[in-house]
């Protein structure tokens, strides 16, 4: 069992405050604010952006492992996650996550990619943790 740590600090009130998130390893550190989460500011990250990074990273690694189990060595697995934050029952809620992945691997056909991508969507630990999200979609594209 391995524990992974991160932390966040928030200063002041919700709309006039700001904060910082960082990983315990020091490999990641970023500012965040109400504007970077709910508005148009690009001067910091948001919890949803971090969820997207975690989900796309986990999914890509998991799919790569599934490809290797099929004796296929991927040149790359590139996944983007779009996390939609909206309102449900009067509260901010993650309503949808869209996973878009591109895979390049010699010997891989589209049918096998679609099967393995669905397996990765179901099996990666971050996907499992996000089961409360009402909709998670997947688009998998084979690159020649």
Protein backbone atom coordinates (compact mmCIF):
# COMPACT_ATOMS: atom_id res chain seq x y z
CA UNK A 1 0.00 0.00 0.00
CA UNK A 2 1.32 3.44 -0.92
CA UNK A 3 -0.02 6.72 0.39
CA UNK A 4 0.11 9.82 -1.82
CA UNK A 5 -0.16 13.22 -0.20
CA UNK A 6 -1.18 16.68 -1.32
CA UNK A 7 -2.36 19.75 0.49
CA UNK A 8 -4.28 22.96 0.00
CA UNK A 9 -4.45 26.24 1.86
CA UNK A 10 -7.27 28.73 1.40
CA UNK A 11 -7.00 32.32 2.63
CA UNK A 12 -9.93 34.65 3.42
CA UNK A 13 -13.51 34.29 2.18
CA UNK A 14 -14.86 32.28 -0.73
CA UNK A 15 -15.11 35.01 -3.37
CA UNK A 16 -12.35 37.36 -2.22
CA UNK A 17 -9.89 34.69 -1.15
CA UNK A 18 -7.25 32.63 -2.85
CA UNK A 19 -5.28 29.55 -2.16
CA UNK A 20 -2.52 27.22 -3.16
CA UNK A 21 -2.40 23.49 -3.75
CA UNK A 22 0.74 21.42 -3.82
CA UNK A 23 1.98 17.88 -3.81
CA UNK A 24 4.06 16.57 -0.94
CA UNK A 25 6.83 15.59 -3.37
CA UNK A 26 7.18 19.21 -4.51
CA UNK A 27 6.61 18.24 -8.13
CA UNK A 28 3.43 20.31 -8.36
CA UNK A 29 2.37 23.64 -6.90
CA UNK A 30 -0.29 26.07 -8.13
CA UNK A 31 -2.49 28.95 -7.06
CA UNK A 32 -6.27 28.73 -7.26
CA UNK A 33 -9.12 31.13 -6.66
CA UNK A 34 -12.87 31.58 -7.01
CA UNK A 35 -12.22 33.15 -10.42
CA UNK A 36 -10.04 30.26 -11.62
CA UNK A 37 -12.71 27.79 -10.54
CA UNK A 38 -15.98 29.50 -11.42
CA UNK A 39 -14.95 32.40 -13.65
CA UNK A 40 -12.75 33.12 -16.61
CA UNK A 41 -9.42 33.52 -14.87
CA UNK A 42 -6.56 31.39 -16.14
CA UNK A 43 -4.14 32.58 -13.47
CA UNK A 44 -4.53 29.41 -11.42
CA UNK A 45 -5.88 25.91 -11.39
CA UNK A 46 -9.09 24.47 -9.97
CA UNK A 47 -9.98 21.27 -8.15
CA UNK A 48 -11.80 20.15 -11.31
CA UNK A 49 -8.74 20.73 -13.47
CA UNK A 50 -6.72 18.63 -11.03
CA UNK A 51 -9.36 15.89 -11.17
CA UNK A 52 -9.06 15.98 -14.97
CA UNK A 53 -5.28 15.67 -14.75
CA UNK A 54 -5.54 12.78 -12.31
CA UNK A 55 -8.20 11.00 -14.36
CA UNK A 56 -6.43 11.37 -17.70
CA UNK A 57 -3.11 10.29 -16.17
CA UNK A 58 -4.58 7.25 -14.46
CA UNK A 59 -6.59 6.24 -17.52
CA UNK A 60 -3.55 6.53 -19.83
CA UNK A 61 -1.38 4.41 -17.55
CA UNK A 62 -4.10 1.79 -17.08
CA UNK A 63 -4.77 1.53 -20.81
CA UNK A 64 -1.05 1.21 -21.48
CA UNK A 65 -0.91 -1.69 -19.04
CA UNK A 66 -3.88 -3.39 -20.70
CA UNK A 67 -2.19 -3.01 -24.09
CA UNK A 68 0.97 -4.63 -22.74
CA UNK A 69 -1.07 -7.58 -21.43
CA UNK A 70 -2.16 -8.06 -25.06
CA UNK A 71 1.53 -8.04 -26.11
CA UNK A 72 1.10 -4.61 -27.70
CA UNK A 73 3.61 -1.90 -26.89
CA UNK A 74 2.10 1.55 -27.20
CA UNK A 75 4.21 4.31 -28.67
CA UNK A 76 1.93 6.64 -26.73
CA UNK A 77 -1.44 6.99 -25.03
CA UNK A 78 -2.54 10.63 -24.94
CA UNK A 79 -5.70 11.42 -22.99
CA UNK A 80 -7.48 14.70 -22.40
CA UNK A 81 -10.18 15.06 -19.77
CA UNK A 82 -12.83 17.77 -19.85
CA UNK A 83 -14.49 18.14 -16.45
CA UNK A 84 -17.79 20.02 -16.47
CA UNK A 85 -18.70 21.84 -13.27
CA UNK A 86 -22.30 22.94 -13.05
CA UNK A 87 -25.10 23.17 -10.55
CA UNK A 88 -27.36 20.43 -9.30
CA UNK A 89 -29.88 20.82 -6.49
CA UNK A 90 -28.53 24.32 -5.86
CA UNK A 91 -24.95 23.20 -5.30
CA UNK A 92 -21.81 23.14 -7.45
CA UNK A 93 -21.46 19.62 -8.87
CA UNK A 94 -19.24 17.81 -11.34
CA UNK A 95 -21.83 16.89 -13.95
CA UNK A 96 -19.73 15.24 -16.63
CA UNK A 97 -16.23 14.08 -17.52
CA UNK A 98 -15.30 13.59 -21.16
CA UNK A 99 -12.24 11.40 -21.80
CA UNK A 100 -10.70 11.72 -25.26
CA UNK A 101 -7.77 9.42 -25.89
CA UNK A 102 -5.47 8.81 -28.83
CA UNK A 103 -3.37 5.68 -28.99
CA UNK A 104 -0.56 4.71 -31.30
CA UNK A 105 0.60 1.11 -31.08
CA UNK A 106 1.83 -1.24 -33.79
CA UNK A 107 -0.51 -4.17 -34.32
CA UNK A 108 -3.47 -2.56 -32.56
CA UNK A 109 -6.78 -2.49 -34.40
CA UNK A 110 -9.73 -0.25 -33.66
CA UNK A 111 -11.99 -2.99 -32.25
CA UNK A 112 -9.34 -4.04 -29.72
CA UNK A 113 -8.69 -0.39 -28.82
CA UNK A 114 -12.37 0.24 -28.14
CA UNK A 115 -12.61 -2.84 -25.92
CA UNK A 116 -9.46 -2.05 -23.95
CA UNK A 117 -10.36 1.64 -23.62
CA UNK A 118 -13.72 0.71 -22.09
CA UNK A 119 -11.95 -1.72 -19.75
CA UNK A 120 -9.55 1.06 -18.71
CA UNK A 121 -12.45 3.45 -18.12
CA UNK A 122 -14.04 0.92 -15.77
CA UNK A 123 -10.85 -0.28 -14.14
CA UNK A 124 -8.55 2.64 -13.46
CA UNK A 125 -8.56 3.60 -9.76
CA UNK A 126 -9.47 7.24 -10.43
CA UNK A 127 -12.43 6.19 -12.59
CA UNK A 128 -13.62 4.00 -9.75
CA UNK A 129 -13.26 6.88 -7.30
CA UNK A 130 -15.35 9.10 -9.58
CA UNK A 131 -18.37 6.79 -9.73
CA UNK A 132 -20.59 9.56 -8.31
CA UNK A 133 -20.16 11.63 -11.50
CA UNK A 134 -23.45 11.31 -13.42
CA UNK A 135 -21.83 10.97 -16.84
CA UNK A 136 -18.37 9.90 -17.98
CA UNK A 137 -17.91 9.58 -21.73
CA UNK A 138 -15.04 8.10 -23.69
CA UNK A 139 -13.82 8.71 -27.24
CA UNK A 140 -10.90 6.50 -28.26
CA UNK A 141 -9.03 7.14 -31.51
CA UNK A 142 -6.41 4.88 -33.09
CA UNK A 143 -3.50 6.80 -34.59
CA UNK A 144 -1.63 5.30 -37.51
